[in-house]
Amino acid sequence: MANIQEAVRLLSQNPQIEVKKRSSFYETSPVGVEKQPWFVNCAVEVASDIGSKDLLKIIKDIELSMGRESSFVKGPRKIDIDRYNFL
C-alpha cells in the first residue's frame, strides 16, 4: 500500500496531472504464477491535457524512480502503474 501511496503522490506532484480520485485498496491473487504474494491494487482517476505517450513516459519514470526492476512475466513488482480509459 505504501508503494501505491507513493506513486499517487508522485503523480500528483506533476503539474500536468491532476489526481481526482483514488479507490480503496484491494488484494488480488496472482494469475499464471501462483507461488508469489498476492497483489495490492487500486484505481486512480487523473485529469490531464497531455497525450498518452507523454503520460506513459511520466508513469514509467515514476516506476523507475521507485526502484521497479524487470522481473519475469506476471511476476512480483515493486510498483506497476497501468493506464486505461483515456477519454
N, C-alpha and C. Protein backbone atom coordinates (compact mmCIF):
# COMPACT_ATOMS: atom_id res chain seq x y z
N MET A 1 0.83 -1.19 0.00
CA MET A 1 0.00 0.00 0.00
C MET A 1 0.87 1.25 0.00
N ALA A 2 1.99 1.18 0.71
CA ALA A 2 2.88 2.34 0.76
C ALA A 2 3.43 2.67 -0.62
N ASN A 3 3.72 1.65 -1.42
CA ASN A 3 4.22 1.91 -2.77
C ASN A 3 3.16 2.60 -3.63
N ILE A 4 1.93 2.18 -3.50
CA ILE A 4 0.85 2.82 -4.27
C ILE A 4 0.67 4.26 -3.80
N GLN A 5 0.68 4.47 -2.50
CA GLN A 5 0.53 5.83 -1.98
C GLN A 5 1.65 6.74 -2.49
N GLU A 6 2.87 6.22 -2.54
CA GLU A 6 3.99 7.00 -3.05
C GLU A 6 3.83 7.28 -4.54
N ALA A 7 3.38 6.31 -5.30
CA ALA A 7 3.17 6.53 -6.74
C ALA A 7 2.10 7.59 -6.98
N VAL A 8 1.03 7.56 -6.22
CA VAL A 8 -0.02 8.57 -6.35
C VAL A 8 0.51 9.94 -5.96
N ARG A 9 1.32 9.99 -4.92
CA ARG A 9 1.92 11.26 -4.50
C ARG A 9 2.80 11.82 -5.62
N LEU A 10 3.61 10.97 -6.23
CA LEU A 10 4.49 11.42 -7.31
C LEU A 10 3.68 11.86 -8.53
N LEU A 11 2.62 11.15 -8.84
CA LEU A 11 1.74 11.59 -9.93
C LEU A 11 1.17 12.98 -9.65
N SER A 12 0.71 13.18 -8.42
CA SER A 12 0.07 14.46 -8.06
C SER A 12 1.06 15.61 -8.02
N GLN A 13 2.35 15.32 -7.91
CA GLN A 13 3.36 16.39 -7.91
C GLN A 13 3.63 16.92 -9.31
N ASN A 14 3.23 16.17 -10.33
CA ASN A 14 3.45 16.62 -11.70
C ASN A 14 2.43 17.70 -12.03
N PRO A 15 2.88 18.88 -12.44
CA PRO A 15 1.93 19.98 -12.70
C PRO A 15 0.99 19.72 -13.88
N GLN A 16 1.30 18.73 -14.70
CA GLN A 16 0.46 18.41 -15.86
C GLN A 16 -0.61 17.37 -15.54
N ILE A 17 -0.62 16.88 -14.31
CA ILE A 17 -1.54 15.81 -13.94
C ILE A 17 -2.30 16.22 -12.68
N GLU A 18 -3.61 16.08 -12.72
CA GLU A 18 -4.43 16.32 -11.53
C GLU A 18 -5.03 14.99 -11.08
N VAL A 19 -4.66 14.56 -9.88
CA VAL A 19 -5.25 13.35 -9.33
C VAL A 19 -6.63 13.72 -8.78
N LYS A 20 -7.66 13.08 -9.34
CA LYS A 20 -9.04 13.42 -8.97
C LYS A 20 -9.58 12.50 -7.89
N LYS A 21 -9.35 11.19 -8.01
CA LYS A 21 -9.90 10.21 -7.07
C LYS A 21 -8.96 9.03 -6.96
N ARG A 22 -9.06 8.33 -5.81
CA ARG A 22 -8.35 7.06 -5.63
C ARG A 22 -9.31 6.10 -4.94
N SER A 23 -9.39 4.90 -5.47
CA SER A 23 -10.27 3.89 -4.87
C SER A 23 -9.65 3.34 -3.59
N SER A 24 -10.40 2.50 -2.94
CA SER A 24 -9.85 1.74 -1.82
C SER A 24 -8.82 0.75 -2.34
N PHE A 25 -7.99 0.26 -1.45
CA PHE A 25 -7.05 -0.79 -1.82
C PHE A 25 -7.77 -2.13 -1.82
N TYR A 26 -7.34 -3.01 -2.69
CA TYR A 26 -7.87 -4.36 -2.69
C TYR A 26 -6.78 -5.33 -3.11
N GLU A 27 -6.88 -6.55 -2.65
CA GLU A 27 -5.88 -7.57 -2.96
C GLU A 27 -6.43 -8.51 -4.03
N THR A 28 -5.53 -8.93 -4.92
CA THR A 28 -5.90 -9.91 -5.93
C THR A 28 -4.86 -11.03 -5.93
N SER A 29 -5.35 -12.22 -6.19
CA SER A 29 -4.44 -13.36 -6.23
C SER A 29 -3.65 -13.33 -7.53
N PRO A 30 -2.42 -13.84 -7.49
CA PRO A 30 -1.63 -13.89 -8.72
C PRO A 30 -2.24 -14.86 -9.72
N VAL A 31 -2.07 -14.55 -10.99
CA VAL A 31 -2.59 -15.39 -12.07
C VAL A 31 -1.41 -15.88 -12.89
N GLY A 32 -1.38 -17.14 -13.17
CA GLY A 32 -0.32 -17.69 -14.01
C GLY A 32 0.87 -18.18 -13.23
N VAL A 33 1.35 -17.39 -12.30
CA VAL A 33 2.46 -17.77 -11.43
C VAL A 33 1.94 -17.63 -10.02
N GLU A 34 1.48 -18.72 -9.46
CA GLU A 34 0.74 -18.65 -8.21
C GLU A 34 1.61 -18.67 -6.96
N LYS A 35 2.86 -19.07 -7.05
CA LYS A 35 3.72 -19.13 -5.87
C LYS A 35 4.42 -17.80 -5.66
N GLN A 36 3.62 -16.79 -5.33
CA GLN A 36 4.10 -15.45 -5.03
C GLN A 36 3.03 -14.75 -4.19
N PRO A 37 3.39 -13.66 -3.55
CA PRO A 37 2.39 -12.95 -2.73
C PRO A 37 1.25 -12.39 -3.58
N TRP A 38 0.13 -12.16 -2.95
CA TRP A 38 -0.99 -11.50 -3.62
C TRP A 38 -0.58 -10.08 -3.97
N PHE A 39 -1.27 -9.50 -4.94
CA PHE A 39 -1.02 -8.13 -5.37
C PHE A 39 -1.97 -7.18 -4.65
N VAL A 40 -1.50 -5.99 -4.32
CA VAL A 40 -2.35 -4.92 -3.79
C VAL A 40 -2.60 -3.95 -4.95
N ASN A 41 -3.85 -3.58 -5.15
CA ASN A 41 -4.24 -2.73 -6.27
C ASN A 41 -5.13 -1.59 -5.81
N CYS A 42 -5.25 -0.61 -6.66
CA CYS A 42 -6.27 0.42 -6.55
C CYS A 42 -6.40 1.09 -7.90
N ALA A 43 -7.44 1.87 -8.07
CA ALA A 43 -7.63 2.65 -9.29
C ALA A 43 -7.49 4.12 -8.94
N VAL A 44 -6.91 4.87 -9.86
CA VAL A 44 -6.73 6.31 -9.65
C VAL A 44 -7.26 7.03 -10.88
N GLU A 45 -8.10 8.02 -10.65
CA GLU A 45 -8.59 8.85 -11.75
C GLU A 45 -7.75 10.11 -11.80
N VAL A 46 -7.23 10.42 -12.99
CA VAL A 46 -6.46 11.65 -13.17
C VAL A 46 -7.03 12.43 -14.35
N ALA A 47 -6.78 13.72 -14.34
CA ALA A 47 -7.13 14.58 -15.47
C ALA A 47 -5.84 15.20 -15.98
N SER A 48 -5.73 15.26 -17.30
CA SER A 48 -4.53 15.83 -17.90
C SER A 48 -4.79 16.15 -19.37
N ASP A 49 -4.09 17.15 -19.87
CA ASP A 49 -4.19 17.50 -21.28
C ASP A 49 -3.05 16.90 -22.09
N ILE A 50 -2.15 16.18 -21.45
CA ILE A 50 -1.02 15.63 -22.19
C ILE A 50 -1.43 14.36 -22.92
N GLY A 51 -0.71 14.03 -23.96
CA GLY A 51 -1.02 12.85 -24.75
C GLY A 51 -0.65 11.56 -24.05
N SER A 52 -1.15 10.46 -24.59
CA SER A 52 -0.94 9.16 -23.95
C SER A 52 0.53 8.76 -23.92
N LYS A 53 1.30 9.08 -24.95
CA LYS A 53 2.73 8.73 -24.96
C LYS A 53 3.49 9.51 -23.89
N ASP A 54 3.15 10.79 -23.72
CA ASP A 54 3.80 11.59 -22.68
C ASP A 54 3.41 11.11 -21.29
N LEU A 55 2.14 10.74 -21.13
CA LEU A 55 1.70 10.20 -19.84
C LEU A 55 2.41 8.89 -19.54
N LEU A 56 2.55 8.04 -20.54
CA LEU A 56 3.25 6.77 -20.34
C LEU A 56 4.69 7.01 -19.90
N LYS A 57 5.35 8.00 -20.50
CA LYS A 57 6.73 8.31 -20.10
C LYS A 57 6.79 8.75 -18.65
N ILE A 58 5.87 9.60 -18.23
CA ILE A 58 5.82 10.04 -16.83
C ILE A 58 5.61 8.85 -15.91
N ILE A 59 4.69 7.96 -16.27
CA ILE A 59 4.40 6.77 -15.47
C ILE A 59 5.64 5.89 -15.36
N LYS A 60 6.29 5.63 -16.47
CA LYS A 60 7.48 4.76 -16.46
C LYS A 60 8.62 5.41 -15.67
N ASP A 61 8.76 6.72 -15.76
CA ASP A 61 9.78 7.42 -14.96
C ASP A 61 9.50 7.28 -13.46
N ILE A 62 8.22 7.36 -13.08
CA ILE A 62 7.86 7.17 -11.67
C ILE A 62 8.20 5.75 -11.23
N GLU A 63 7.85 4.77 -12.04
CA GLU A 63 8.18 3.38 -11.69
C GLU A 63 9.68 3.20 -11.50
N LEU A 64 10.48 3.74 -12.42
CA LEU A 64 11.95 3.62 -12.31
C LEU A 64 12.47 4.33 -11.07
N SER A 65 11.93 5.52 -10.78
CA SER A 65 12.39 6.27 -9.61
C SER A 65 12.07 5.55 -8.31
N MET A 66 11.05 4.68 -8.34
CA MET A 66 10.66 3.92 -7.16
C MET A 66 11.38 2.58 -7.08
N GLY A 67 12.25 2.31 -8.04
CA GLY A 67 13.04 1.09 -7.97
C GLY A 67 12.45 -0.10 -8.70
N ARG A 68 11.53 0.13 -9.62
CA ARG A 68 10.99 -1.01 -10.38
C ARG A 68 12.09 -1.63 -11.21
N GLU A 69 12.16 -2.93 -11.15
CA GLU A 69 13.12 -3.69 -11.94
C GLU A 69 12.36 -4.70 -12.77
N SER A 70 12.97 -5.10 -13.86
CA SER A 70 12.35 -6.13 -14.69
C SER A 70 12.27 -7.43 -13.90
N SER A 71 11.17 -8.11 -14.04
CA SER A 71 11.03 -9.44 -13.46
C SER A 71 10.42 -10.32 -14.54
N PHE A 72 10.12 -11.53 -14.20
CA PHE A 72 9.52 -12.41 -15.19
C PHE A 72 8.05 -12.02 -15.41
N VAL A 73 7.52 -12.45 -16.54
CA VAL A 73 6.14 -12.12 -16.90
C VAL A 73 5.20 -12.59 -15.79
N LYS A 74 4.34 -11.69 -15.37
CA LYS A 74 3.35 -11.92 -14.31
C LYS A 74 4.00 -12.15 -12.95
N GLY A 75 5.25 -11.73 -12.83
CA GLY A 75 5.96 -11.86 -11.56
C GLY A 75 5.73 -10.67 -10.65
N PRO A 76 6.23 -10.75 -9.42
CA PRO A 76 6.06 -9.66 -8.46
C PRO A 76 6.84 -8.42 -8.90
N ARG A 77 6.29 -7.27 -8.57
CA ARG A 77 6.92 -6.00 -8.90
C ARG A 77 6.72 -5.03 -7.75
N LYS A 78 7.67 -4.15 -7.58
CA LYS A 78 7.55 -3.15 -6.52
C LYS A 78 6.38 -2.20 -6.80
N ILE A 79 6.26 -1.81 -8.06
CA ILE A 79 5.14 -0.94 -8.47
C ILE A 79 4.86 -1.22 -9.95
N ASP A 80 3.61 -1.18 -10.32
CA ASP A 80 3.20 -1.38 -11.71
C ASP A 80 2.02 -0.47 -11.97
N ILE A 81 2.25 0.58 -12.71
CA ILE A 81 1.20 1.57 -12.99
C ILE A 81 0.69 1.31 -14.40
N ASP A 82 -0.58 1.02 -14.52
CA ASP A 82 -1.20 0.82 -15.82
C ASP A 82 -2.01 2.06 -16.18
N ARG A 83 -2.19 2.26 -17.47
CA ARG A 83 -3.03 3.38 -17.91
C ARG A 83 -4.15 2.83 -18.78
N TYR A 84 -5.36 3.24 -18.45
CA TYR A 84 -6.54 2.77 -19.17
C TYR A 84 -7.53 3.91 -19.30
N ASN A 85 -8.50 3.68 -20.17
CA ASN A 85 -9.68 4.54 -20.26
C ASN A 85 -9.36 6.01 -20.53
N PHE A 86 -8.65 6.25 -21.60
CA PHE A 86 -8.41 7.64 -22.00
C PHE A 86 -9.69 8.18 -22.61
N LEU A 87 -10.09 9.33 -22.13
CA LEU A 87 -11.29 9.98 -22.68
C LEU A 87 -10.89 11.18 -23.50
